[in-house]
N, C-alpha and C. Protein backbone atom coordinates (compact mmCIF):
# COMPACT_ATOMS: atom_id res chain seq x y z
N MET A 1 114.59 96.25 106.14
CA MET A 1 114.14 95.24 105.19
C MET A 1 113.38 95.98 104.07
N LYS A 2 113.51 95.55 102.80
CA LYS A 2 112.87 96.09 101.69
C LYS A 2 111.42 95.68 101.58
N PRO A 3 110.41 96.64 101.40
CA PRO A 3 109.14 96.27 101.18
C PRO A 3 108.87 95.31 99.94
N VAL A 4 107.99 94.38 100.13
CA VAL A 4 107.58 93.46 99.01
C VAL A 4 106.16 93.73 98.62
N LEU A 5 105.84 93.36 97.36
CA LEU A 5 104.41 93.55 96.90
C LEU A 5 103.57 92.44 97.56
N LYS A 6 102.44 92.83 98.18
CA LYS A 6 101.51 91.83 98.76
C LYS A 6 100.22 92.04 98.17
N LEU A 7 99.53 90.91 97.79
CA LEU A 7 98.14 91.06 97.23
C LEU A 7 97.21 91.40 98.39
N PHE A 8 96.61 92.58 98.32
CA PHE A 8 95.60 92.94 99.33
C PHE A 8 94.20 92.71 98.66
N THR A 9 93.54 91.68 99.19
CA THR A 9 92.15 91.30 98.78
C THR A 9 91.18 92.20 99.59
N PRO A 10 89.93 92.32 99.14
CA PRO A 10 88.87 93.06 100.04
C PRO A 10 88.81 92.39 101.42
N GLU A 11 88.98 91.15 101.56
CA GLU A 11 88.94 90.47 102.87
C GLU A 11 90.01 90.84 103.70
N ILE A 12 91.21 90.82 103.23
CA ILE A 12 92.44 91.29 104.04
C ILE A 12 92.29 92.73 104.37
N ALA A 13 91.97 93.58 103.45
CA ALA A 13 91.73 94.99 103.67
C ALA A 13 90.75 95.28 104.82
N GLU A 14 89.61 94.53 104.71
CA GLU A 14 88.60 94.73 105.75
C GLU A 14 88.98 94.29 107.16
N GLU A 15 89.85 93.21 107.17
CA GLU A 15 90.32 92.74 108.45
C GLU A 15 91.26 93.81 109.05
N LEU A 16 92.16 94.47 108.23
CA LEU A 16 93.04 95.45 108.72
C LEU A 16 92.24 96.70 109.18
N LEU A 17 91.18 97.03 108.47
CA LEU A 17 90.41 98.21 108.83
C LEU A 17 89.70 98.06 110.16
N THR A 18 89.40 96.77 110.59
CA THR A 18 88.78 96.64 111.91
C THR A 18 89.86 96.87 112.98
N ARG A 19 91.08 96.91 112.66
CA ARG A 19 92.22 97.12 113.68
C ARG A 19 92.76 98.57 113.58
N GLY A 20 92.06 99.43 113.01
CA GLY A 20 92.55 100.83 112.84
C GLY A 20 92.55 101.53 114.23
N ARG A 21 93.28 102.62 114.23
CA ARG A 21 93.32 103.49 115.43
C ARG A 21 91.95 104.00 115.78
N PRO A 22 91.55 104.00 117.01
CA PRO A 22 90.29 104.62 117.40
C PRO A 22 90.31 106.10 117.11
N GLY A 23 89.17 106.55 116.59
CA GLY A 23 89.01 108.00 116.29
C GLY A 23 89.59 108.43 114.89
N ASN A 24 90.13 107.47 114.17
CA ASN A 24 90.63 107.82 112.81
C ASN A 24 89.56 108.17 111.90
N ILE A 25 89.64 109.35 111.28
CA ILE A 25 88.55 109.87 110.46
C ILE A 25 88.77 109.47 109.02
N THR A 26 87.73 108.98 108.35
CA THR A 26 87.80 108.59 106.97
C THR A 26 87.26 109.74 106.09
N VAL A 27 88.05 110.11 105.11
CA VAL A 27 87.67 111.19 104.17
C VAL A 27 87.03 110.56 102.97
N ARG A 28 85.71 110.75 102.83
CA ARG A 28 84.95 110.10 101.75
C ARG A 28 85.45 110.55 100.31
N ARG A 29 85.79 111.77 100.10
CA ARG A 29 86.23 112.28 98.83
C ARG A 29 87.46 111.59 98.32
N LYS A 30 88.43 111.28 99.18
CA LYS A 30 89.67 110.60 98.88
C LYS A 30 89.34 109.13 98.51
N ILE A 31 88.50 108.55 99.32
CA ILE A 31 88.09 107.16 98.99
C ILE A 31 87.49 107.06 97.62
N GLU A 32 86.54 107.97 97.35
CA GLU A 32 85.80 107.99 96.07
C GLU A 32 86.87 108.13 94.87
N ARG A 33 87.80 108.99 95.11
CA ARG A 33 88.87 109.21 94.03
C ARG A 33 89.65 107.90 93.84
N TYR A 34 90.04 107.30 94.90
CA TYR A 34 90.76 106.04 94.80
C TYR A 34 89.96 104.97 94.13
N LYS A 35 88.61 104.88 94.54
CA LYS A 35 87.77 103.84 93.79
C LYS A 35 87.60 104.12 92.35
N ASP A 36 87.53 105.41 91.95
CA ASP A 36 87.41 105.82 90.51
C ASP A 36 88.65 105.26 89.75
N MET A 37 89.86 105.54 90.46
CA MET A 37 91.06 105.10 89.76
C MET A 37 91.15 103.62 89.67
N MET A 38 90.73 102.91 90.67
CA MET A 38 90.76 101.48 90.65
C MET A 38 89.83 100.90 89.65
N LEU A 39 88.53 101.39 89.63
CA LEU A 39 87.56 100.88 88.67
C LEU A 39 87.89 101.21 87.26
N SER A 40 88.60 102.34 87.01
CA SER A 40 88.92 102.72 85.60
C SER A 40 90.17 102.15 85.11
N GLY A 41 90.95 101.41 85.96
CA GLY A 41 92.16 100.88 85.54
C GLY A 41 93.33 101.72 85.68
N LYS A 42 93.18 102.94 86.26
CA LYS A 42 94.27 103.89 86.44
C LYS A 42 95.08 103.69 87.62
N TRP A 43 94.62 102.90 88.54
CA TRP A 43 95.35 102.57 89.82
C TRP A 43 96.46 101.66 89.42
N LYS A 44 97.65 102.01 89.92
CA LYS A 44 98.86 101.18 89.71
C LYS A 44 99.18 100.35 90.89
N ASP A 45 99.47 99.04 90.60
CA ASP A 45 99.95 98.21 91.70
C ASP A 45 101.20 98.84 92.30
N GLY A 46 101.33 98.72 93.63
CA GLY A 46 102.58 99.19 94.32
C GLY A 46 102.41 100.60 94.70
N LYS A 47 101.18 101.18 94.67
CA LYS A 47 100.96 102.51 95.04
C LYS A 47 100.73 102.68 96.51
N GLY A 48 101.64 103.34 97.26
CA GLY A 48 101.42 103.58 98.68
C GLY A 48 101.67 102.39 99.55
N MET A 49 102.04 102.49 100.79
CA MET A 49 102.26 101.35 101.62
C MET A 49 101.56 101.61 102.94
N PRO A 50 100.58 100.71 103.20
CA PRO A 50 99.88 100.67 104.58
C PRO A 50 100.98 100.74 105.72
N ILE A 51 100.69 101.35 106.80
CA ILE A 51 101.62 101.26 107.92
C ILE A 51 100.85 100.48 109.01
N ILE A 52 101.42 99.40 109.55
CA ILE A 52 100.75 98.64 110.50
C ILE A 52 101.73 98.45 111.64
N TYR A 53 101.26 98.77 112.93
CA TYR A 53 102.09 98.53 114.12
C TYR A 53 102.35 97.05 114.28
N LYS A 54 103.33 96.67 115.02
CA LYS A 54 103.69 95.27 115.37
C LYS A 54 102.39 94.53 115.88
N GLN A 55 101.68 95.28 116.68
CA GLN A 55 100.44 94.66 117.22
C GLN A 55 99.40 94.42 116.28
N GLY A 56 99.56 94.82 114.96
CA GLY A 56 98.58 94.62 113.95
C GLY A 56 97.60 95.75 113.76
N ILE A 57 97.87 96.88 114.43
CA ILE A 57 97.01 98.04 114.37
C ILE A 57 97.25 98.92 113.18
N LEU A 58 96.27 99.15 112.36
CA LEU A 58 96.49 99.94 111.16
C LEU A 58 96.74 101.44 111.52
N LEU A 59 97.88 102.03 111.05
CA LEU A 59 98.20 103.39 111.32
C LEU A 59 97.95 104.28 110.13
N ASP A 60 98.29 103.76 108.93
CA ASP A 60 98.13 104.57 107.67
C ASP A 60 97.66 103.49 106.61
N GLY A 61 96.78 104.07 105.72
CA GLY A 61 96.36 103.25 104.59
C GLY A 61 94.93 103.00 104.61
N ARG A 62 94.14 103.60 105.57
CA ARG A 62 92.71 103.43 105.67
C ARG A 62 92.02 103.75 104.35
N HIS A 63 92.33 104.83 103.64
CA HIS A 63 91.58 105.16 102.44
C HIS A 63 91.77 104.16 101.35
N ARG A 64 92.99 103.71 101.12
CA ARG A 64 93.28 102.75 100.11
C ARG A 64 92.54 101.40 100.41
N LEU A 65 92.65 100.99 101.66
CA LEU A 65 92.07 99.73 102.03
C LEU A 65 90.53 99.79 101.95
N THR A 66 89.96 100.91 102.34
CA THR A 66 88.50 101.03 102.19
C THR A 66 88.05 101.06 100.77
N ALA A 67 88.80 101.59 99.90
CA ALA A 67 88.56 101.56 98.42
C ALA A 67 88.56 100.14 97.95
N ILE A 68 89.56 99.38 98.42
CA ILE A 68 89.65 98.04 97.96
C ILE A 68 88.41 97.24 98.37
N VAL A 69 87.98 97.44 99.65
CA VAL A 69 86.83 96.78 100.16
C VAL A 69 85.57 97.11 99.37
N GLU A 70 85.42 98.37 99.12
CA GLU A 70 84.17 98.89 98.47
C GLU A 70 84.15 98.56 96.93
N THR A 71 85.30 98.39 96.34
CA THR A 71 85.28 98.04 94.92
C THR A 71 85.21 96.55 94.76
N GLY A 72 85.68 95.84 95.72
CA GLY A 72 85.69 94.31 95.62
C GLY A 72 86.93 93.86 94.83
N LEU A 73 87.86 94.72 94.49
CA LEU A 73 89.02 94.37 93.68
C LEU A 73 90.21 94.15 94.59
N SER A 74 91.16 93.46 94.05
CA SER A 74 92.41 93.19 94.78
C SER A 74 93.61 93.89 94.05
N PHE A 75 94.54 94.40 94.92
CA PHE A 75 95.69 95.03 94.31
C PHE A 75 96.97 94.68 95.03
N ASN A 76 98.07 94.62 94.29
CA ASN A 76 99.40 94.45 95.00
C ASN A 76 99.83 95.77 95.52
N ILE A 77 100.11 95.80 96.80
CA ILE A 77 100.53 97.02 97.54
C ILE A 77 101.82 96.71 98.24
N PRO A 78 102.83 97.63 98.26
CA PRO A 78 104.08 97.33 99.04
C PRO A 78 103.73 97.10 100.45
N PHE A 79 104.37 96.15 101.04
CA PHE A 79 104.20 95.87 102.46
C PHE A 79 105.54 95.42 103.13
N ASP A 80 105.86 96.02 104.20
CA ASP A 80 107.13 95.79 104.87
C ASP A 80 106.85 94.63 105.84
N VAL A 81 107.66 93.60 105.53
CA VAL A 81 107.54 92.36 106.46
C VAL A 81 108.71 92.24 107.40
């Protein structure tokens, strides 16, 4: 199936982050870079795709989703349904 753009709000991102893999390390520098891009308007919709297991556990995308939560902004991100 082809990924579709889905609007990730801070609330949706925060919910997914609570279901991340145990022990997943967050890299602050990467999050800050993403936040700067988002706040300055340089972030492009459709950048990167979070990977979520069928059980709803977040596998990849923690940095992007954390930046969304911390900026309070919403972005369209590809999502495989």
